[in-house]
Protein backbone atom coordinates (compact mmCIF):
# COMPACT_ATOMS: atom_id res chain seq x y z
CA MET A 1 204.50 209.30 100.03
CA THR A 2 205.20 212.92 99.05
CA ALA A 3 206.72 214.42 95.91
CA SER A 4 209.96 215.00 97.81
CA ASP A 5 210.09 211.32 98.69
CA LEU A 6 209.79 210.44 95.01
CA VAL A 7 212.59 212.86 94.18
CA ALA A 8 214.80 211.30 96.84
CA LEU A 9 214.08 207.84 95.40
CA SER A 10 214.47 208.94 91.76
CA PRO A 11 217.79 207.06 91.17
CA LEU A 12 216.24 203.80 92.39
CA ILE A 13 213.01 204.40 90.47
CA LEU A 14 214.87 205.14 87.22
CA LEU A 15 217.06 202.06 87.63
CA SER A 16 214.04 199.82 88.22
CA ALA A 17 212.25 201.38 85.25
CA THR A 18 215.29 200.70 83.08
CA ALA A 19 215.17 197.00 83.97
CA LEU A 20 211.51 196.97 82.92
CA VAL A 21 212.26 198.77 79.63
CA VAL A 22 215.06 196.33 78.80
CA MET A 23 212.74 193.40 79.51
CA LEU A 24 210.01 194.85 77.24
CA SER A 25 212.52 195.56 74.47
CA ILE A 26 213.62 191.91 74.58
CA ALA A 27 210.00 190.80 74.28
CA ILE A 28 209.51 193.02 71.22
CA ARG A 29 212.76 192.27 69.39
CA ARG A 30 216.01 190.68 70.51
CA HIS A 31 219.11 192.78 69.88
CA HIS A 32 222.22 192.52 72.01
CA GLY A 33 223.51 196.01 71.26
CA ALA A 34 220.12 197.63 71.91
CA SER A 35 219.76 195.93 75.30
CA ALA A 36 223.26 196.98 76.37
CA THR A 37 222.65 200.55 75.16
CA LEU A 38 219.35 200.81 77.03
CA ALA A 39 221.03 199.52 80.20
CA LEU A 40 223.81 202.11 79.89
CA LEU A 41 221.37 204.95 79.23
CA GLY A 42 219.28 203.95 82.23
CA LEU A 43 222.33 203.78 84.48
CA ALA A 44 223.46 207.19 83.20
CA ALA A 45 220.03 208.69 83.88
CA SER A 46 219.96 207.17 87.35
CA PHE A 47 223.45 208.51 88.08
CA ALA A 48 222.50 211.98 86.82
CA SER A 49 219.43 212.03 89.07
CA LEU A 50 221.65 211.75 92.16
CA ARG A 51 222.12 215.52 92.04
CA TRP A 52 218.35 215.99 91.90
CA ALA A 53 217.87 213.62 94.82
CA ALA A 54 220.54 215.47 96.83
CA SER A 55 218.36 218.59 96.79
CA VAL A 56 215.84 216.99 99.19
CA THR A 57 218.17 214.98 101.42
CA PRO A 58 218.64 213.95 104.18
CA ARG A 59 215.24 212.33 104.11
CA GLN A 60 213.62 209.34 105.79
CA VAL A 61 211.32 207.75 103.21
CA THR A 62 208.63 205.93 105.19
CA GLY A 63 210.28 203.83 107.89
CA LEU A 64 212.26 201.74 105.45
CA LEU A 65 214.84 203.83 103.60
CA LEU A 66 217.13 206.64 104.71
CA ILE A 67 218.36 208.82 101.85
CA ASP A 68 221.28 211.07 102.83
CA GLY A 69 224.78 211.95 101.60
CA TYR A 70 226.13 208.55 102.63
CA THR A 71 223.40 206.75 100.68
CA LEU A 72 223.85 208.90 97.57
CA PHE A 73 227.63 208.40 97.61
CA TYR A 74 227.31 204.63 97.63
CA TRP A 75 224.50 204.74 95.10
CA GLY A 76 226.82 206.64 92.76
CA VAL A 77 229.60 204.09 93.30
CA LEU A 78 227.28 201.13 92.63
CA LEU A 79 225.81 202.73 89.50
CA ALA A 80 229.29 203.48 88.13
CA LEU A 81 230.39 199.90 88.82
CA ALA A 82 227.27 198.58 87.07
CA ALA A 83 228.01 200.70 83.99
CA ALA A 84 231.56 199.32 83.87
CA VAL A 85 230.20 195.76 84.14
CA VAL A 86 227.85 196.44 81.20
CA LEU A 87 230.74 197.62 79.02
CA LEU A 88 232.85 194.61 79.94
CA ALA A 89 229.97 192.15 79.62
CA TYR A 90 229.05 193.31 76.11
CA SER A 91 232.33 192.22 74.53
CA TYR A 92 232.34 189.01 76.59
CA LEU A 93 228.79 187.99 75.66
CA GLU A 94 229.33 188.76 71.98
CA HIS A 95 231.40 185.56 71.80
CA GLN A 96 228.92 183.41 73.71
CA THR A 97 226.18 181.40 72.07
CA GLY A 98 222.61 181.68 73.29
CA HIS A 99 220.59 184.62 74.57
CA GLN A 100 222.66 187.57 75.73
CA GLU A 101 220.01 190.24 76.32
CA GLU A 102 218.56 188.99 79.60
CA PHE A 103 221.95 189.44 81.26
CA TYR A 104 221.45 193.22 81.37
CA CYS A 105 217.96 192.98 82.86
CA LEU A 106 219.20 190.70 85.63
CA MET A 107 222.26 192.86 86.25
CA LEU A 108 220.10 195.98 86.63
CA LEU A 109 217.88 194.17 89.13
CA ALA A 110 220.91 193.03 91.12
CA THR A 111 222.14 196.62 91.21
CA ALA A 112 218.70 197.79 92.37
CA GLY A 113 218.92 195.28 95.21
CA GLY A 114 222.29 196.74 96.17
CA LEU A 115 220.81 200.26 96.20
CA VAL A 116 218.02 199.14 98.51
CA LEU A 117 220.55 197.56 100.88
CA VAL A 118 222.64 200.73 101.10
CA ALA A 119 219.61 202.86 102.00
CA SER A 120 218.01 200.35 104.40
CA SER A 121 217.14 201.55 107.88
CA HIS A 122 214.64 198.76 108.62
CA MET A 123 214.84 194.96 108.66
CA ALA A 124 212.06 194.65 106.07
CA SER A 125 213.91 196.74 103.46
CA LEU A 126 217.16 194.96 104.38
CA PHE A 127 215.59 191.58 103.59
CA LEU A 128 213.98 192.83 100.37
CA GLY A 129 217.33 194.21 99.20
CA PHE A 130 219.04 190.92 100.03
CA GLU A 131 216.48 188.90 98.08
CA ILE A 132 216.41 191.16 95.01
CA LEU A 133 220.19 190.92 94.88
CA SER A 134 220.37 187.19 95.57
CA VAL A 135 217.65 186.03 93.18
CA SER A 136 219.25 188.00 90.34
CA LEU A 137 222.64 186.45 91.14
CA TYR A 138 221.18 182.92 91.03
CA ALA A 139 220.44 183.38 87.34
CA LEU A 140 223.52 185.45 86.53
CA ILE A 141 225.92 182.88 87.98
CA ALA A 142 224.30 180.06 85.98
CA TYR A 143 223.77 182.27 82.92
CA LEU A 144 225.84 180.04 80.62
CA HIS A 145 223.62 177.13 81.64
CA LEU A 146 224.71 174.85 78.80
CA GLN A 147 228.18 174.66 80.35
CA ARG A 148 228.87 172.44 83.35
CA LEU A 149 230.79 174.83 85.63
CA PRO A 150 228.35 177.79 85.52
CA LEU A 151 225.39 175.49 86.13
CA GLU A 152 227.16 173.81 89.05
CA ALA A 153 228.15 177.18 90.53
CA GLY A 154 224.59 178.48 90.17
CA VAL A 155 223.11 175.48 92.00
CA LYS A 156 225.68 175.79 94.81
CA TYR A 157 224.99 179.48 95.23
CA LEU A 158 221.23 178.91 95.11
CA VAL A 159 221.28 176.31 97.88
CA LEU A 160 223.69 178.18 100.15
CA ALA A 161 222.23 181.65 99.56
CA ALA A 162 218.69 180.40 100.19
CA THR A 163 219.87 178.78 103.42
CA SER A 164 221.64 181.96 104.53
CA SER A 165 218.48 183.97 103.76
CA ALA A 166 216.51 181.60 106.00
CA PHE A 167 219.03 182.18 108.81
CA LEU A 168 218.77 185.93 108.24
CA LEU A 169 214.97 185.94 108.35
CA PHE A 170 214.76 183.74 111.46
CA GLY A 171 217.34 185.99 113.14
CA MET A 172 215.20 189.03 112.36
CA ALA A 173 212.17 187.35 113.89
CA LEU A 174 214.06 186.56 117.11
CA LEU A 175 215.44 190.10 117.36
CA TYR A 176 212.00 191.59 116.82
CA SER A 177 210.52 189.36 119.52
CA GLU A 178 213.27 190.49 121.91
CA THR A 179 213.45 194.22 121.15
CA GLY A 180 210.03 195.05 119.76
CA SER A 181 211.64 197.05 116.97
CA MET A 182 212.73 196.41 113.39
CA GLN A 183 214.70 199.65 113.03
CA LEU A 184 218.42 199.01 112.54
CA ALA A 185 219.41 202.06 114.58
CA THR A 186 217.42 200.75 117.54
CA LEU A 187 219.08 197.35 117.28
CA ALA A 188 222.51 199.02 117.17
CA ARG A 189 221.81 200.71 120.52
CA PHE A 190 221.05 197.32 122.06
CA TYR A 191 224.42 195.99 120.89
CA MET A 192 226.24 199.00 122.23
CA GLY A 193 224.83 198.66 125.73
CA ALA A 194 222.54 201.67 125.77
CA PRO A 195 220.62 202.25 129.04
CA ASN A 196 217.59 199.98 129.40
CA ALA A 197 218.63 198.09 126.27
CA ALA A 198 219.85 194.62 127.18
CA LEU A 199 219.51 191.62 124.89
CA GLY A 200 218.42 188.25 126.22
CA ALA A 201 219.23 184.78 124.92
CA ALA A 202 216.75 185.04 122.04
CA GLY A 203 218.21 188.37 120.98
CA TRP A 204 221.77 187.06 120.89
CA ALA A 205 220.64 183.94 119.01
CA GLY A 206 218.94 186.20 116.47
CA THR A 207 222.11 188.25 116.16
CA VAL A 208 224.17 185.13 115.43
CA LEU A 209 221.69 184.08 112.75
CA MET A 210 221.71 187.53 111.14
CA LEU A 211 225.51 187.63 111.13
CA THR A 212 225.46 184.24 109.40
CA GLY A 213 223.38 185.64 106.56
CA ILE A 214 225.47 188.80 106.23
CA GLY A 215 228.75 186.88 106.59
CA PHE A 216 227.72 184.64 103.70
CA LYS A 217 227.24 187.61 101.38
CA LEU A 218 230.60 189.09 102.42
CA ALA A 219 232.30 185.66 102.15
CA VAL A 220 234.18 186.06 105.42
CA VAL A 221 235.43 183.05 107.39
CA PRO A 222 233.66 180.76 108.35
CA PHE A 223 231.05 181.54 105.67
CA HIS A 224 233.50 181.56 102.77
CA LEU A 225 233.48 178.04 101.35
CA TRP A 226 231.20 178.89 98.41
CA THR A 227 233.46 181.65 97.11
CA PRO A 228 236.14 179.84 95.04
CA ASP A 229 233.65 177.48 93.38
CA VAL A 230 231.20 180.25 92.48
CA TYR A 231 233.95 182.61 91.30
CA GLN A 232 235.42 179.87 89.12
CA GLY A 233 232.13 178.71 87.64
CA ALA A 234 230.36 182.02 87.05
CA PRO A 235 230.89 183.97 83.80
CA LEU A 236 233.60 186.57 84.31
CA PRO A 237 231.28 189.63 84.19
CA THR A 238 229.10 187.97 86.84
CA THR A 239 232.15 187.22 88.97
CA ALA A 240 233.07 190.90 88.75
CA LEU A 241 229.54 191.86 89.81
CA VAL A 242 229.58 189.50 92.82
CA ALA A 243 232.99 190.80 93.91
CA THR A 244 232.01 194.48 93.66
CA ILE A 245 228.32 195.39 93.74
CA SER A 246 227.20 192.51 95.98
CA LYS A 247 229.96 192.81 98.58
CA GLY A 248 230.14 196.60 98.40
CA SER A 249 226.45 197.10 99.10
CA VAL A 250 226.44 194.64 102.02
CA PHE A 251 229.48 196.27 103.63
CA ALA A 252 227.93 199.72 103.20
CA LEU A 253 224.88 198.37 105.05
CA LEU A 254 227.08 197.14 107.92
CA LEU A 255 228.69 200.57 108.29
CA ARG A 256 225.25 202.19 108.28
CA TRP A 257 223.96 199.74 110.87
CA PHE A 258 226.74 199.65 113.46
CA HIS A 259 228.48 203.02 113.33
CA PRO A 260 225.83 205.69 113.94
CA ALA A 261 225.61 205.44 117.72
CA GLY A 262 229.17 204.88 118.87
CA SER A 263 231.73 202.15 119.29
CA LEU A 264 231.05 198.42 119.45
CA ALA A 265 234.35 197.84 121.28
CA GLY A 266 234.22 195.12 123.90
CA THR A 267 230.71 193.91 123.06
CA PRO A 268 230.07 190.29 121.97
CA VAL A 269 229.24 191.46 118.44
CA TRP A 270 232.58 193.29 118.29
CA TRP A 271 234.46 190.15 119.30
CA ALA A 272 232.62 188.19 116.62
CA PHE A 273 233.78 190.67 113.97
CA VAL A 274 237.34 190.63 115.34
CA ILE A 275 237.51 186.84 115.08
CA MET A 276 236.05 186.88 111.57
CA ALA A 277 238.55 189.55 110.50
CA ALA A 278 241.62 187.66 111.77
CA ALA A 279 240.41 184.30 110.40
CA SER A 280 239.56 185.79 107.00
CA MET A 281 242.95 187.46 106.60
CA LEU A 282 244.85 184.30 107.47
CA ALA A 283 242.66 181.72 105.71
CA GLY A 284 242.20 183.78 102.55
CA ASN A 285 245.91 184.34 101.99
CA LEU A 286 247.03 180.85 103.02
CA LEU A 287 244.45 179.10 100.82
CA ALA A 288 245.40 181.28 97.83
CA LEU A 289 249.05 180.17 97.93
CA ARG A 290 248.59 176.92 96.03
CA GLN A 291 245.92 178.00 93.55
CA ASN A 292 246.70 177.57 89.86
CA ASN A 293 243.40 178.95 88.64
CA VAL A 294 243.44 182.76 88.59
CA LYS A 295 239.72 183.09 89.37
CA ARG A 296 240.06 180.84 92.43
CA LEU A 297 243.19 182.73 93.47
CA LEU A 298 241.32 186.05 93.33
CA ALA A 299 238.40 184.44 95.18
CA TYR A 300 240.58 183.52 98.14
CA SER A 301 242.23 186.92 97.86
CA SER A 302 238.79 188.54 98.17
CA ILE A 303 238.24 186.68 101.45
CA ALA A 304 241.46 188.20 102.80
CA HIS A 305 240.46 191.68 101.63
CA MET A 306 237.14 191.42 103.44
CA GLY A 307 239.23 190.65 106.53
CA TYR A 308 241.28 193.82 105.97
CA LEU A 309 238.04 195.80 105.70
CA MET A 310 236.84 194.30 108.97
CA VAL A 311 239.90 195.76 110.73
CA ALA A 312 238.69 199.26 109.92
CA PHE A 313 235.11 198.26 110.68
CA VAL A 314 235.83 197.17 114.27
CA ALA A 315 237.90 200.31 114.97
CA ALA A 316 236.22 203.19 116.78
CA GLY A 317 235.70 206.78 115.76
CA PRO A 318 235.08 208.62 112.48
CA LEU A 319 238.43 207.48 111.02
CA ALA A 320 237.11 203.91 110.99
CA VAL A 321 234.22 204.73 108.64
CA GLN A 322 236.45 206.85 106.41
CA ALA A 323 239.20 204.23 106.19
CA ALA A 324 236.72 201.43 105.50
CA THR A 325 235.00 203.44 102.78
CA TYR A 326 238.28 204.40 101.11
CA TYR A 327 239.58 200.84 101.19
CA LEU A 328 236.32 199.44 99.88
CA LEU A 329 236.37 201.88 96.97
CA ALA A 330 240.00 201.07 96.18
CA TYR A 331 239.23 197.35 96.34
CA VAL A 332 236.20 197.37 94.05
CA ILE A 333 238.06 199.44 91.45
CA THR A 334 240.99 197.03 91.55
CA ILE A 335 239.08 193.75 91.52
CA LEU A 336 236.74 194.99 88.78
CA GLY A 337 239.78 195.90 86.71
CA ALA A 338 241.35 192.49 87.27
CA PHE A 339 238.24 190.55 86.27
CA GLY A 340 237.58 193.01 83.44
CA ILE A 341 240.99 192.34 81.91
CA MET A 342 240.40 188.61 82.24
CA SER A 343 237.01 188.93 80.51
CA VAL A 344 238.65 190.72 77.58
CA LEU A 345 241.43 188.15 77.38
CA CYS A 346 238.98 185.26 77.58
CA SER A 347 236.57 186.51 74.94
CA GLY A 348 235.78 183.18 73.37
CA GLU A 349 233.62 180.10 73.84
CA GLU A 350 235.83 178.87 76.68
CA GLU A 351 237.36 180.91 79.49
CA CYS A 352 241.12 180.75 79.93
CA CYS A 353 241.67 181.14 83.65
CA GLU A 354 244.51 178.75 84.45
CA LEU A 355 247.76 180.37 85.47
CA GLU A 356 249.62 178.81 82.52
CA ASP A 357 247.19 180.44 80.10
CA TYR A 358 248.75 183.78 81.04
CA ARG A 359 252.37 182.75 80.53
CA GLY A 360 254.22 185.33 78.46
CA LEU A 361 251.17 187.57 78.11
CA PHE A 362 253.38 190.65 78.16
CA TRP A 363 255.05 189.54 74.92
CA GLN A 364 251.68 189.08 73.22
CA ARG A 365 249.52 191.87 74.69
CA PRO A 366 251.84 194.28 76.56
CA VAL A 367 249.20 196.94 77.37
CA LEU A 368 246.74 194.48 78.88
CA ALA A 369 249.56 192.73 80.76
CA ALA A 370 250.68 196.09 82.19
CA MET A 371 247.11 196.88 83.28
CA PHE A 372 246.75 193.46 84.88
CA SER A 373 250.06 193.97 86.68
CA ALA A 374 248.85 197.31 88.06
CA MET A 375 245.71 195.65 89.44
CA LEU A 376 247.71 192.87 91.07
CA LEU A 377 250.15 195.36 92.60
CA SER A 378 247.24 197.34 94.03
CA LEU A 379 245.73 194.19 95.53
CA ALA A 380 249.13 193.49 97.09
CA GLY A 381 249.24 197.02 98.55
CA ILE A 382 252.27 198.30 96.64
CA PRO A 383 252.92 202.10 96.84
CA LEU A 384 251.60 204.48 94.17
CA THR A 385 248.36 202.48 93.90
CA ALA A 386 244.99 202.98 95.57
CA GLY A 387 245.40 199.64 97.33
CA PHE A 388 248.45 200.90 99.20
CA LEU A 389 246.75 204.02 100.53
CA GLY A 390 243.62 202.04 101.35
CA LYS A 391 245.65 199.62 103.44
CA PHE A 392 247.52 202.52 105.05
CA TYR A 393 244.26 204.14 106.15
CA VAL A 394 242.99 200.81 107.50
CA MET A 395 246.17 200.43 109.56
CA ALA A 396 245.84 204.02 110.80
CA ALA A 397 242.26 203.34 111.92
CA GLY A 398 243.36 200.13 113.65
CA ALA A 399 246.27 201.88 115.39
CA SER A 400 243.99 204.68 116.60
CA SER A 401 241.93 202.03 118.42
CA ALA A 402 244.97 200.03 119.61
CA LEU A 403 244.00 196.91 117.64
CA TRP A 404 247.60 195.68 117.73
CA LEU A 405 246.87 191.97 117.37
CA LEU A 406 244.68 192.53 114.31
CA LEU A 407 247.32 194.82 112.81
CA PHE A 408 249.98 192.15 113.33
CA VAL A 409 247.76 189.62 111.54
CA LEU A 410 247.13 192.14 108.76
CA VAL A 411 250.86 192.75 108.18
CA ALA A 412 251.76 189.05 108.38
CA SER A 413 248.95 187.94 106.08
CA SER A 414 249.68 190.74 103.60
CA THR A 415 253.26 189.50 103.40
CA ILE A 416 251.97 186.02 102.64
CA GLY A 417 249.64 187.47 100.00
CA LEU A 418 252.51 189.18 98.25
CA TYR A 419 253.85 185.76 97.25
CA TYR A 420 250.90 184.61 95.18
CA TYR A 421 250.46 187.99 93.49
CA LEU A 422 254.12 187.83 92.48
CA ARG A 423 253.52 184.31 91.14
CA VAL A 424 251.04 185.71 88.65
CA LEU A 425 253.34 188.62 87.76
CA VAL A 426 256.24 186.24 87.09
CA VAL A 427 254.05 184.22 84.74
CA LEU A 428 252.89 187.36 82.90
CA PHE A 429 256.46 188.43 82.14
CA SER A 430 257.96 184.98 81.55
CA SER A 431 259.39 184.22 78.13
CA LEU A 432 257.25 182.08 75.87
CA PRO A 433 258.43 178.49 75.32
CA GLU A 434 259.42 177.62 71.77
CA ASP A 435 256.53 175.20 71.33
CA HIS A 436 253.97 177.72 72.61
CA VAL A 437 251.11 177.85 70.12
CA LYS A 438 248.07 178.78 72.22
CA VAL A 439 246.92 182.36 71.87
CA MET A 440 244.06 182.97 74.24
CA LEU A 441 243.08 186.35 72.82
CA PRO A 442 242.39 187.18 69.19
CA ARG A 443 244.92 189.56 67.72
CA GLY A 444 242.28 192.21 67.04
CA ARG A 445 241.86 195.34 69.09
CA VAL A 446 240.22 195.40 72.48
CA PRO A 447 236.53 196.34 72.09
CA ALA A 448 236.02 200.08 72.50
CA GLY A 449 233.60 199.88 75.44
CA ALA A 450 235.73 197.43 77.40
CA GLY A 451 238.89 199.36 76.59
CA PHE A 452 237.35 202.63 77.83
CA SER A 453 236.16 200.97 81.03
CA LEU A 454 239.58 199.45 81.74
CA ALA A 455 241.40 202.69 80.98
CA VAL A 456 239.20 204.62 83.44
CA LEU A 457 239.77 201.99 86.14
CA VAL A 458 243.56 202.11 85.71
CA ILE A 459 243.54 205.93 85.82
CA LEU A 460 241.45 205.91 89.00
CA LEU A 461 243.78 203.31 90.49
CA PHE A 462 246.75 205.66 90.24
CA VAL A 463 244.88 208.92 90.87
CA PHE A 464 243.54 207.61 94.18
CA GLY A 465 246.99 206.24 94.98
CA LEU A 466 248.86 209.46 94.25
CA TYR A 467 246.35 212.22 95.02
CA PRO A 468 243.79 210.97 97.56
CA ALA A 469 242.83 214.36 99.04
CA PRO A 470 239.64 215.08 96.99
CA LEU A 471 238.23 211.60 97.53
CA TRP A 472 239.21 211.60 101.20
CA ASP A 473 237.51 214.98 101.75
CA LEU A 474 234.36 213.70 100.05
CA ILE A 475 234.34 210.55 102.18
CA ARG A 476 234.91 212.58 105.34
CA GLY A 477 231.95 214.76 104.45
CA ILE A 478 229.50 211.91 103.86
CA SER A 479 230.81 209.98 106.88
CA ALA A 480 230.23 212.89 109.28
CA GLY A 481 226.47 212.51 109.00
CA ILE A 482 226.22 208.73 108.88
CA GLY A 483 223.18 207.41 110.66
């Protein structure tokens, strides 16, 4: 490995070193504020090094990682999301009994796994990224292990994620035996029907097994059943991390894998993604209709949003990658804001996530209620928000590839989804009953770090919804050289 390779990997190296420093600081002396500060400083240093890494890219580091503009863009997004999770988690964990410091070490490792996934160009690095991410999430989901729901959610995720990893690994073995290669770009050419590149029965069986593992991480139908239970049981900062960093890194990997060599249209893999997209949009929105727990409602909503992303993914041409990237960015900003507001509101020994807990919130905490409303409106795809433009670009990508059936499902399911988002909005602005005595949030101010994080997310929500040109130009630039 050369000096230039080390420079290209500097964001990943700094992030991993930060996790080690946080772990050593915990061993020397426990201090919640110090651990959170070290995590933030490490994330800031890693983010700053992206510019240094850009000076030597594009670069293939060994046969495992490809560092280019696409990789650095997603690395920046994941690092920024991790910093926001740290700020939100600090105020949340302050009110929890037990050890708080290890949360930041595990969160940094999960983020490092996401960075490895985004840069993967080889099945070995893909599997390592998956496992670093998954093993960290096992502990993060069950972090409040003295409570029943987090422990139950952690065990469920452990069993299902370990099983999906076994499927993924066996699928890799079958594909390697069939193709003789572990490079993702080579595998993509087999799927796209390149000359002298035909898959046999073992290859297609391996593909099915790999899609099972990846589908589990994305929580698309039919691999979605873990999502509501894990979202409900996990601590709110962990739920935010699963919904953003975990899903974002896996989807970035899919774009890297399948879109460098041309269109998948008409291939068996393409049809598999089409079916998953349609089923996810319909099932996610229909199952969310009757949910009275806000975390479960947003879990089913996330299944539907992964279906929307799949519409852009299966479309052909450069617009598909750009639309998928824009929508993914709009989604992670919105869902992180929604869970972030909930984590601030539920800063206590017990989370308040039932719909009735939010009744009349506007009359108690108008600013937080307005922020929450903006996030819900963006998830619903209402104009002036990033969610609206993201959905518009997805529909444009689908129309450019004549995916009319998927677009019909998208419009119909989005209309269904509008109902349950409005349910939450109605509760937020309802008048308080006379006998209402429960106040779920202390009357004090929102913690400074969490307040700053939420304010930035709300600003980005409207900036990307009203003035998308700079972000769109940036995405178009990094998408042009994908692969």
